[in-house]
PDB file of N, CA and C in Angstrom:
ATOM      1  N   MET A   1     165.091  55.436 120.965  1.00  0.00           N
ATOM      2  CA  MET A   1     166.239  54.971 121.702  1.00  0.00           C
ATOM      3  C   MET A   1     166.153  55.572 123.102  1.00  0.00           C
ATOM      4  N   PRO A   2     166.250  54.756 124.130  1.00  0.00           N
ATOM      5  CA  PRO A   2     166.183  55.277 125.493  1.00  0.00           C
ATOM      6  C   PRO A   2     167.295  56.298 125.737  1.00  0.00           C
ATOM      7  N   LEU A   3     167.013  57.250 126.604  1.00  0.00           N
ATOM      8  CA  LEU A   3     167.937  58.348 126.878  1.00  0.00           C
ATOM      9  C   LEU A   3     169.270  57.840 127.415  1.00  0.00           C
ATOM     10  N   LYS A   4     169.226  56.849 128.285  1.00  0.00           N
ATOM     11  CA  LYS A   4     170.462  56.313 128.883  1.00  0.00           C
ATOM     12  C   LYS A   4     171.357  55.707 127.808  1.00  0.00           C
ATOM     13  N   LEU A   5     170.751  54.972 126.851  1.00  0.00           N
ATOM     14  CA  LEU A   5     171.517  54.354 125.768  1.00  0.00           C
ATOM     15  C   LEU A   5     172.109  55.431 124.869  1.00  0.00           C
ATOM     16  N   ALA A   6     171.341  56.468 124.582  1.00  0.00           N
ATOM     17  CA  ALA A   6     171.833  57.573 123.762  1.00  0.00           C
ATOM     18  C   ALA A   6     173.017  58.258 124.430  1.00  0.00           C
ATOM     19  N   GLU A   7     172.942  58.428 125.730  1.00  0.00           N
ATOM     20  CA  GLU A   7     174.056  59.051 126.451  1.00  0.00           C
ATOM     21  C   GLU A   7     175.297  58.173 126.387  1.00  0.00           C
ATOM     22  N   GLU A   8     175.124  56.843 126.486  1.00  0.00           N
ATOM     23  CA  GLU A   8     176.255  55.932 126.406  1.00  0.00           C
ATOM     24  C   GLU A   8     176.904  55.990 125.032  1.00  0.00           C
ATOM     25  N   VAL A   9     176.059  56.020 123.959  1.00  0.00           N
ATOM     26  CA  VAL A   9     176.583  56.098 122.595  1.00  0.00           C
ATOM     27  C   VAL A   9     177.318  57.403 122.409  1.00  0.00           C
ATOM     28  N   THR A  10     176.752  58.502 122.884  1.00  0.00           N
ATOM     29  CA  THR A  10     177.382  59.813 122.766  1.00  0.00           C
ATOM     30  C   THR A  10     178.707  59.827 123.515  1.00  0.00           C
ATOM     31  N   ALA A  11     178.769  59.207 124.661  1.00  0.00           N
ATOM     32  CA  ALA A  11     180.010  59.174 125.443  1.00  0.00           C
ATOM     33  C   ALA A  11     181.063  58.332 124.743  1.00  0.00           C
ATOM     34  N   GLN A  12     180.660  57.283 124.040  1.00  0.00           N
ATOM     35  CA  GLN A  12     181.620  56.399 123.381  1.00  0.00           C
ATOM     36  C   GLN A  12     182.106  56.960 122.049  1.00  0.00           C
ATOM     37  N   VAL A  13     181.258  57.700 121.363  1.00  0.00           N
ATOM     38  CA  VAL A  13     181.589  58.209 120.031  1.00  0.00           C
ATOM     39  C   VAL A  13     181.921  59.691 120.141  1.00  0.00           C
ATOM     40  N   PRO A  14     183.088  60.107 119.653  1.00  0.00           N
ATOM     41  CA  PRO A  14     183.425  61.522 119.685  1.00  0.00           C
ATOM     42  C   PRO A  14     182.401  62.332 118.894  1.00  0.00           C
ATOM     43  N   ALA A  15     182.248  63.585 119.235  1.00  0.00           N
ATOM     44  CA  ALA A  15     181.239  64.462 118.625  1.00  0.00           C
ATOM     45  C   ALA A  15     181.406  64.577 117.120  1.00  0.00           C
ATOM     46  N   ASP A  16     182.638  64.680 116.633  1.00  0.00           N
ATOM     47  CA  ASP A  16     182.869  64.790 115.187  1.00  0.00           C
ATOM     48  C   ASP A  16     182.420  63.529 114.456  1.00  0.00           C
ATOM     49  N   ASP A  17     182.738  62.376 115.049  1.00  0.00           N
ATOM     50  CA  ASP A  17     182.314  61.118 114.432  1.00  0.00           C
ATOM     51  C   ASP A  17     180.796  60.997 114.425  1.00  0.00           C
ATOM     52  N   PHE A  18     180.184  61.405 115.513  1.00  0.00           N
ATOM     53  CA  PHE A  18     178.724  61.348 115.596  1.00  0.00           C
ATOM     54  C   PHE A  18     178.093  62.273 114.559  1.00  0.00           C
ATOM     55  N   GLN A  19     178.666  63.458 114.395  1.00  0.00           N
ATOM     56  CA  GLN A  19     178.143  64.419 113.415  1.00  0.00           C
ATOM     57  C   GLN A  19     178.307  63.859 112.003  1.00  0.00           C
ATOM     58  N   ALA A  20     179.438  63.222 111.727  1.00  0.00           N
ATOM     59  CA  ALA A  20     179.659  62.622 110.410  1.00  0.00           C
ATOM     60  C   ALA A  20     178.651  61.502 110.163  1.00  0.00           C
ATOM     61  N   LEU A  21     178.417  60.690 111.184  1.00  0.00           N
ATOM     62  CA  LEU A  21     177.439  59.615 111.069  1.00  0.00           C
ATOM     63  C   LEU A  21     176.044  60.177 110.840  1.00  0.00           C
ATOM     64  N   GLU A  22     175.722  61.231 111.581  1.00  0.00           N
ATOM     65  CA  GLU A  22     174.416  61.876 111.422  1.00  0.00           C
ATOM     66  C   GLU A  22     174.241  62.397 109.998  1.00  0.00           C
ATOM     67  N   GLU A  23     175.270  62.997 109.440  1.00  0.00           N
ATOM     68  CA  GLU A  23     175.196  63.512 108.069  1.00  0.00           C
ATOM     69  C   GLU A  23     175.004  62.370 107.075  1.00  0.00           C
ATOM     70  N   LYS A  24     175.696  61.264 107.316  1.00  0.00           N
ATOM     71  CA  LYS A  24     175.537  60.103 106.434  1.00  0.00           C
ATOM     72  C   LYS A  24     174.114  59.559 106.501  1.00  0.00           C
ATOM     73  N   VAL A  25     173.550  59.528 107.696  1.00  0.00           N
ATOM     74  CA  VAL A  25     172.174  59.054 107.852  1.00  0.00           C
ATOM     75  C   VAL A  25     171.219  59.970 107.088  1.00  0.00           C
ATOM     76  N   TYR A  26     171.399  61.291 107.227  1.00  0.00           N
ATOM     77  CA  TYR A  26     170.524  62.226 106.513  1.00  0.00           C
ATOM     78  C   TYR A  26     170.694  62.108 105.000  1.00  0.00           C
ATOM     79  N   ARG A  27     171.929  61.933 104.531  1.00  0.00           N
ATOM     80  CA  ARG A  27     172.154  61.741 103.092  1.00  0.00           C
ATOM     81  C   ARG A  27     171.491  60.455 102.615  1.00  0.00           C
ATOM     82  N   THR A  28     171.578  59.403 103.431  1.00  0.00           N
ATOM     83  CA  THR A  28     170.932  58.136 103.082  1.00  0.00           C
ATOM     84  C   THR A  28     169.421  58.309 103.001  1.00  0.00           C
ATOM     85  N   ILE A  29     168.870  59.047 103.941  1.00  0.00           N
ATOM     86  CA  ILE A  29     167.424  59.315 103.912  1.00  0.00           C
ATOM     87  C   ILE A  29     167.050  60.071 102.647  1.00  0.00           C
ATOM     88  N   GLU A  30     167.833  61.086 102.285  1.00  0.00           N
ATOM     89  CA  GLU A  30     167.546  61.863 101.072  1.00  0.00           C
ATOM     90  C   GLU A  30     167.676  60.995  99.824  1.00  0.00           C
ATOM     91  N   LEU A  31     168.694  60.149  99.784  1.00  0.00           N
ATOM     92  CA  LEU A  31     168.851  59.230  98.649  1.00  0.00           C
ATOM     93  C   LEU A  31     167.659  58.286  98.558  1.00  0.00           C
ATOM     94  N   TYR A  32     167.214  57.800  99.690  1.00  0.00           N
ATOM     95  CA  TYR A  32     166.058  56.904  99.706  1.00  0.00           C
ATOM     96  C   TYR A  32     164.817  57.626  99.180  1.00  0.00           C
ATOM     97  N   LYS A  33     164.617  58.862  99.648  1.00  0.00           N
ATOM     98  CA  LYS A  33     163.453  59.634  99.185  1.00  0.00           C
ATOM     99  C   LYS A  33     163.518  59.859  97.674  1.00  0.00           C
ATOM    100  N   SER A  34     164.685  60.276  97.194  1.00  0.00           N
ATOM    101  CA  SER A  34     164.787  60.559  95.761  1.00  0.00           C
ATOM    102  C   SER A  34     164.660  59.276  94.933  1.00  0.00           C
ATOM    103  N   SER A  35     165.194  58.169  95.432  1.00  0.00           N
ATOM    104  CA  SER A  35     165.041  56.924  94.686  1.00  0.00           C
ATOM    105  C   SER A  35     163.584  56.461  94.689  1.00  0.00           C
ATOM    106  N   ARG A  36     162.884  56.685  95.770  1.00  0.00           N
ATOM    107  CA  ARG A  36     161.461  56.348  95.839  1.00  0.00           C
ATOM    108  C   ARG A  36     160.655  57.202  94.857  1.00  0.00           C
ATOM    109  N   GLU A  37     160.979  58.496  94.785  1.00  0.00           N
ATOM    110  CA  GLU A  37     160.303  59.380  93.829  1.00  0.00           C
ATOM    111  C   GLU A  37     160.608  58.951  92.397  1.00  0.00           C
ATOM    112  N   ALA A  38     161.866  58.578  92.148  1.00  0.00           N
ATOM    113  CA  ALA A  38     162.241  58.128  90.812  1.00  0.00           C
ATOM    114  C   ALA A  38     161.504  56.841  90.450  1.00  0.00           C
ATOM    115  N   ARG A  39     161.369  55.950  91.416  1.00  0.00           N
ATOM    116  CA  ARG A  39     160.650  54.704  91.167  1.00  0.00           C
ATOM    117  C   ARG A  39     159.181  54.976  90.860  1.00  0.00           C
ATOM    118  N   THR A  40     158.582  55.874  91.625  1.00  0.00           N
ATOM    119  CA  THR A  40     157.183  56.231  91.390  1.00  0.00           C
ATOM    120  C   THR A  40     157.018  56.828  89.991  1.00  0.00           C
ATOM    121  N   ALA A  41     157.932  57.716  89.623  1.00  0.00           N
ATOM    122  CA  ALA A  41     157.875  58.325  88.288  1.00  0.00           C
ATOM    123  C   ALA A  41     158.054  57.260  87.208  1.00  0.00           C
ATOM    124  N   ALA A  42     158.979  56.333  87.426  1.00  0.00           N
ATOM    125  CA  ALA A  42     159.204  55.267  86.447  1.00  0.00           C
ATOM    126  C   ALA A  42     157.967  54.376  86.317  1.00  0.00           C
ATOM    127  N   GLU A  43     157.330  54.074  87.431  1.00  0.00           N
ATOM    128  CA  GLU A  43     156.113  53.251  87.383  1.00  0.00           C
ATOM    129  C   GLU A  43     154.996  53.970  86.631  1.00  0.00           C
ATOM    130  N   ARG A  44     154.893  55.298  86.839  1.00  0.00           N
ATOM    131  CA  ARG A  44     153.898  56.081  86.083  1.00  0.00           C
ATOM    132  C   ARG A  44     154.206  56.032  84.590  1.00  0.00           C
ATOM    133  N   ASP A  45     155.489  56.184  84.255  1.00  0.00           N
ATOM    134  CA  ASP A  45     155.887  56.141  82.845  1.00  0.00           C
ATOM    135  C   ASP A  45     155.589  54.778  82.236  1.00  0.00           C
ATOM    136  N   VAL A  46     155.873  53.729  82.974  1.00  0.00           N
ATOM    137  CA  VAL A  46     155.601  52.376  82.480  1.00  0.00           C
ATOM    138  C   VAL A  46     154.110  52.203  82.219  1.00  0.00           C
ATOM    139  N   GLN A  47     153.288  52.661  83.140  1.00  0.00           N
ATOM    140  CA  GLN A  47     151.837  52.542  82.965  1.00  0.00           C
ATOM    141  C   GLN A  47     151.376  53.326  81.746  1.00  0.00           C
ATOM    142  N   ARG A  48     151.888  54.547  81.603  1.00  0.00           N
ATOM    143  CA  ARG A  48     151.517  55.381  80.458  1.00  0.00           C
ATOM    144  C   ARG A  48     151.951  54.717  79.155  1.00  0.00           C
ATOM    145  N   LEU A  49     153.155  54.169  79.128  1.00  0.00           N
ATOM    146  CA  LEU A  49     153.656  53.507  77.921  1.00  0.00           C
ATOM    147  C   LEU A  49     152.864  52.238  77.606  1.00  0.00           C
ATOM    148  N   ARG A  50     152.455  51.511  78.640  1.00  0.00           N
ATOM    149  CA  ARG A  50     151.626  50.322  78.398  1.00  0.00           C
ATOM    150  C   ARG A  50     150.289  50.712  77.778  1.00  0.00           C
ATOM    151  N   GLU A  51     149.710  51.791  78.282  1.00  0.00           N
ATOM    152  CA  GLU A  51     148.437  52.258  77.733  1.00  0.00           C
ATOM    153  C   GLU A  51     148.618  52.702  76.282  1.00  0.00           C
ATOM    154  N   GLN A  52     149.709  53.411  76.004  1.00  0.00           N
ATOM    155  CA  GLN A  52     149.976  53.843  74.628  1.00  0.00           C
ATOM    156  C   GLN A  52     150.186  52.638  73.715  1.00  0.00           C
ATOM    157  N   LEU A  53     150.910  51.644  74.214  1.00  0.00           N
ATOM    158  CA  LEU A  53     151.147  50.442  73.420  1.00  0.00           C
ATOM    159  C   LEU A  53     149.832  49.742  73.108  1.00  0.00           C
ATOM    160  N   GLU A  54     148.970  49.648  74.091  1.00  0.00           N
ATOM    161  CA  GLU A  54     147.667  49.012  73.876  1.00  0.00           C
ATOM    162  C   GLU A  54     146.860  49.780  72.830  1.00  0.00           C
ATOM    163  N   GLN A  55     146.887  51.105  72.913  1.00  0.00           N
ATOM    164  CA  GLN A  55     146.182  51.921  71.922  1.00  0.00           C
ATOM    165  C   GLN A  55     146.754  51.698  70.527  1.00  0.00           C
ATOM    166  N   ARG A  56     148.072  51.641  70.428  1.00  0.00           N
ATOM    167  CA  ARG A  56     148.715  51.443  69.118  1.00  0.00           C
ATOM    168  C   ARG A  56     148.372  50.070  68.554  1.00  0.00           C
ATOM    169  N   GLU A  57     148.332  49.072  69.439  1.00  0.00           N
ATOM    170  CA  GLU A  57     147.969  47.725  68.982  1.00  0.00           C
ATOM    171  C   GLU A  57     146.543  47.702  68.449  1.00  0.00           C
ATOM    172  N   GLU A  58     145.646  48.416  69.106  1.00  0.00           N
ATOM    173  CA  GLU A  58     144.264  48.503  68.630  1.00  0.00           C
ATOM    174  C   GLU A  58     144.219  49.212  67.282  1.00  0.00           C
ATOM    175  N   GLU A  59     144.987  50.299  67.146  1.00  0.00           N
ATOM    176  CA  GLU A  59     145.026  51.029  65.879  1.00  0.00           C
ATOM    177  C   GLU A  59     145.561  50.144  64.755  1.00  0.00           C
ATOM    178  N   VAL A  60     146.611  49.379  65.057  1.00  0.00           N
ATOM    179  CA  VAL A  60     147.189  48.486  64.051  1.00  0.00           C
ATOM    180  C   VAL A  60     146.165  47.448  63.630  1.00  0.00           C
ATOM    181  N   GLU A  61     145.457  46.886  64.589  1.00  0.00           N
ATOM    182  CA  GLU A  61     144.442  45.877  64.261  1.00  0.00           C
ATOM    183  C   GLU A  61     143.333  46.489  63.411  1.00  0.00           C
ATOM    184  N   ASN A  62     142.902  47.692  63.755  1.00  0.00           N
ATOM    185  CA  ASN A  62     141.879  48.368  62.951  1.00  0.00           C
ATOM    186  C   ASN A  62     142.379  48.643  61.535  1.00  0.00           C
ATOM    187  N   MET A  63     143.630  49.034  61.427  1.00  0.00           N
ATOM    188  CA  MET A  63     144.202  49.297  60.098  1.00  0.00           C
ATOM    189  C   MET A  63     144.317  48.016  59.281  1.00  0.00           C
ATOM    190  N   ARG A  64     144.653  46.919  59.935  1.00  0.00           N
ATOM    191  CA  ARG A  64     144.722  45.636  59.226  1.00  0.00           C
ATOM    192  C   ARG A  64     143.355  45.248  58.684  1.00  0.00           C
ATOM    193  N   ARG A  65     142.337  45.400  59.537  1.00  0.00           N
ATOM    194  CA  ARG A  65     140.977  45.082  59.080  1.00  0.00           C
ATOM    195  C   ARG A  65     140.571  45.976  57.907  1.00  0.00           C
ATOM    196  N   GLU A  66     140.902  47.252  58.012  1.00  0.00           N
ATOM    197  CA  GLU A  66     140.571  48.195  56.935  1.00  0.00           C
ATOM    198  C   GLU A  66     141.310  47.823  55.654  1.00  0.00           C
ATOM    199  N   MET A  67     142.572  47.421  55.774  1.00  0.00           N
ATOM    200  CA  MET A  67     143.348  47.038  54.605  1.00  0.00           C
ATOM    201  C   MET A  67     142.729  45.812  53.927  1.00  0.00           C
ATOM    202  N   VAL A  68     142.315  44.830  54.724  1.00  0.00           N
ATOM    203  CA  VAL A  68     141.681  43.636  54.162  1.00  0.00           C
ATOM    204  C   VAL A  68     140.389  44.026  53.449  1.00  0.00           C
ATOM    205  N   ARG A  69     139.605  44.897  54.086  1.00  0.00           N
ATOM    206  CA  ARG A  69     138.354  45.340  53.476  1.00  0.00           C
ATOM    207  C   ARG A  69     138.604  46.064  52.160  1.00  0.00           C
ATOM    208  N   LEU A  70     139.605  46.936  52.139  1.00  0.00           N
ATOM    209  CA  LEU A  70     139.913  47.689  50.920  1.00  0.00           C
ATOM    210  C   LEU A  70     140.442  46.782  49.813  1.00  0.00           C
ATOM    211  N   ARG A  71     141.225  45.774  50.184  1.00  0.00           N
ATOM    212  CA  ARG A  71     141.713  44.836  49.168  1.00  0.00           C
ATOM    213  C   ARG A  71     140.564  44.051  48.549  1.00  0.00           C
ATOM    214  N   LYS A  72     139.620  43.622  49.389  1.00  0.00           N
ATOM    215  CA  LYS A  72     138.450  42.906  48.862  1.00  0.00           C
ATOM    216  C   LYS A  72     137.647  43.821  47.941  1.00  0.00           C
ATOM    217  N   GLU A  73     137.467  45.044  48.398  1.00  0.00           N
ATOM    218  CA  GLU A  73     136.716  46.010  47.583  1.00  0.00           C
ATOM    219  C   GLU A  73     137.416  46.257  46.249  1.00  0.00           C
ATOM    220  N   ARG A  74     138.729  46.382  46.286  1.00  0.00           N
ATOM    221  CA  ARG A  74     139.499  46.602  45.055  1.00  0.00           C
ATOM    222  C   ARG A  74     139.336  45.424  44.111  1.00  0.00           C
ATOM    223  N   GLU A  75     139.380  44.208  44.658  1.00  0.00           N
ATOM    224  CA  GLU A  75     139.223  43.015  43.831  1.00  0.00           C
ATOM    225  C   GLU A  75     137.823  42.972  43.207  1.00  0.00           C
ATOM    226  N   GLU A  76     136.806  43.337  43.987  1.00  0.00           N
ATOM    227  CA  GLU A  76     135.443  43.369  43.457  1.00  0.00           C
ATOM    228  C   GLU A  76     135.328  44.395  42.325  1.00  0.00           C
ATOM    229  N   VAL A  77     135.919  45.557  42.511  1.00  0.00           N
ATOM    230  CA  VAL A  77     135.879  46.596  41.473  1.00  0.00           C
ATOM    231  C   VAL A  77     136.610  46.107  40.223  1.00  0.00           C
ATOM    232  N   ARG A  78     137.758  45.455  40.421  1.00  0.00           N
ATOM    233  CA  ARG A  78     138.520  44.928  39.285  1.00  0.00           C
ATOM    234  C   ARG A  78     137.672  43.923  38.495  1.00  0.00           C
ATOM    235  N   GLU A  79     136.999  43.027  39.215  1.00  0.00           N
ATOM    236  CA  GLU A  79     136.160  42.025  38.544  1.00  0.00           C
ATOM    237  C   GLU A  79     135.022  42.689  37.780  1.00  0.00           C
ATOM    238  N   ARG A  80     134.419  43.699  38.383  1.00  0.00           N
ATOM    239  CA  ARG A  80     133.313  44.403  37.711  1.00  0.00           C
ATOM    240  C   ARG A  80     133.809  45.127  36.460  1.00  0.00           C
ATOM    241  N   VAL A  81     134.968  45.747  36.559  1.00  0.00           N
ATOM    242  CA  VAL A  81     135.533  46.456  35.396  1.00  0.00           C
ATOM    243  C   VAL A  81     135.873  45.453  34.294  1.00  0.00           C
ATOM    244  N   GLU A  82     136.474  44.328  34.663  1.00  0.00           N
ATOM    245  CA  GLU A  82     136.793  43.304  33.669  1.00  0.00           C
ATOM    246  C   GLU A  82     135.521  42.799  32.987  1.00  0.00           C
ATOM    247  N   LYS A  83     134.459  42.626  33.781  1.00  0.00           N
ATOM    248  CA  LYS A  83     133.180  42.165  33.230  1.00  0.00           C
ATOM    249  C   LYS A  83     132.643  43.206  32.236  1.00  0.00           C
ATOM    250  N   MET A  84     132.718  44.480  32.598  1.00  0.00           N
ATOM    251  CA  MET A  84     132.250  45.531  31.685  1.00  0.00           C
ATOM    252  C   MET A  84     133.102  45.572  30.423  1.00  0.00           C
ATOM    253  N   LEU A  85     134.421  45.416  30.568  1.00  0.00           N
ATOM    254  CA  LEU A  85     135.309  45.426  29.397  1.00  0.00           C
ATOM    255  C   LEU A  85     134.991  44.259  28.463  1.00  0.00           C
ATOM    256  N   LYS A  86     134.684  43.105  29.035  1.00  0.00           N
ATOM    257  CA  LYS A  86     134.316  41.948  28.206  1.00  0.00           C
ATOM    258  C   LYS A  86     133.016  42.212  27.457  1.00  0.00           C
ATOM    259  N   GLN A  87     132.064  42.854  28.143  1.00  0.00           N
ATOM    260  CA  GLN A  87     130.796  43.177  27.475  1.00  0.00           C
ATOM    261  C   GLN A  87     131.037  44.182  26.343  1.00  0.00           C
ATOM    262  N   ILE A  88     131.875  45.167  26.599  1.00  0.00           N
ATOM    263  CA  ILE A  88     132.188  46.153  25.551  1.00  0.00           C
ATOM    264  C   ILE A  88     132.886  45.457  24.391  1.00  0.00           C
ATOM    265  N   GLU A  89     133.809  44.560  24.718  1.00  0.00           N
ATOM    266  CA  GLU A  89     134.531  43.832  23.672  1.00  0.00           C
ATOM    267  C   GLU A  89     133.583  42.977  22.840  1.00  0.00           C
ATOM    268  N   SER A  90     132.644  42.297  23.512  1.00  0.00           N
ATOM    269  CA  SER A  90     131.702  41.465  22.759  1.00  0.00           C
ATOM    270  C   SER A  90     130.780  42.333  21.904  1.00  0.00           C
ATOM    271  N   LEU A  91     130.398  43.513  22.414  1.00  0.00           N
ATOM    272  CA  LEU A  91     129.586  44.426  21.595  1.00  0.00           C
ATOM    273  C   LEU A  91     130.374  44.913  20.384  1.00  0.00           C
ATOM    274  N   SER A  92     131.634  45.188  20.591  1.00  0.00           N
ATOM    275  CA  SER A  92     132.491  45.643  19.482  1.00  0.00           C
ATOM    276  C   SER A  92     132.626  44.546  18.445  1.00  0.00           C
ATOM    277  N   GLU A  93     132.810  43.311  18.912  1.00  0.00           N
ATOM    278  CA  GLU A  93     132.924  42.192  17.974  1.00  0.00           C
ATOM    279  C   GLU A  93     131.634  41.988  17.200  1.00  0.00           C
ATOM    280  N   GLU A  94     130.490  42.140  17.868  1.00  0.00           N
ATOM    281  CA  GLU A  94     129.186  42.003  17.188  1.00  0.00           C
ATOM    282  C   GLU A  94     129.031  43.105  16.146  1.00  0.00           C
ATOM    283  N   GLN A  95     129.461  44.292  16.501  1.00  0.00           N
ATOM    284  CA  GLN A  95     129.324  45.410  15.567  1.00  0.00           C
ATOM    285  C   GLN A  95     130.233  45.200  14.357  1.00  0.00           C
ATOM    286  N   ILE A  96     131.426  44.676  14.571  1.00  0.00           N
ATOM    287  CA  ILE A  96     132.332  44.407  13.480  1.00  0.00           C
ATOM    288  C   ILE A  96     131.759  43.292  12.607  1.00  0.00           C
ATOM    289  N   ALA A  97     131.171  42.289  13.224  1.00  0.00           N
ATOM    290  CA  ALA A  97     130.612  41.157  12.500  1.00  0.00           C
ATOM    291  C   ALA A  97     129.390  41.574  11.684  1.00  0.00           C
ATOM    292  N   SER A  98     128.713  42.616  12.065  1.00  0.00           N
ATOM    293  CA  SER A  98     127.495  43.011  11.336  1.00  0.00           C
ATOM    294  C   SER A  98     127.800  43.766  10.094  1.00  0.00           C
TER     295      SER A  98
END
């Protein structure tokens, strides 16, 4: 602001009013700084949470695949056990028949 304009503003505005305005400007600057810091912190938190969410989604997908694999394996074991039980049963029947 040119010096002449500043002198005109100072002459028009009483010193107390100017001081009050100056304090409001400084408070506004501080509020702006703190809100900017809060926004930066929030953006960091959002990024961190997105990364965590992505990791959890990968873990869930891996667990789903593992669950499917284990269910198939369980079914295969069940079939093998049933097959062995049938063989034992047929051997028992043959032994009884003899």
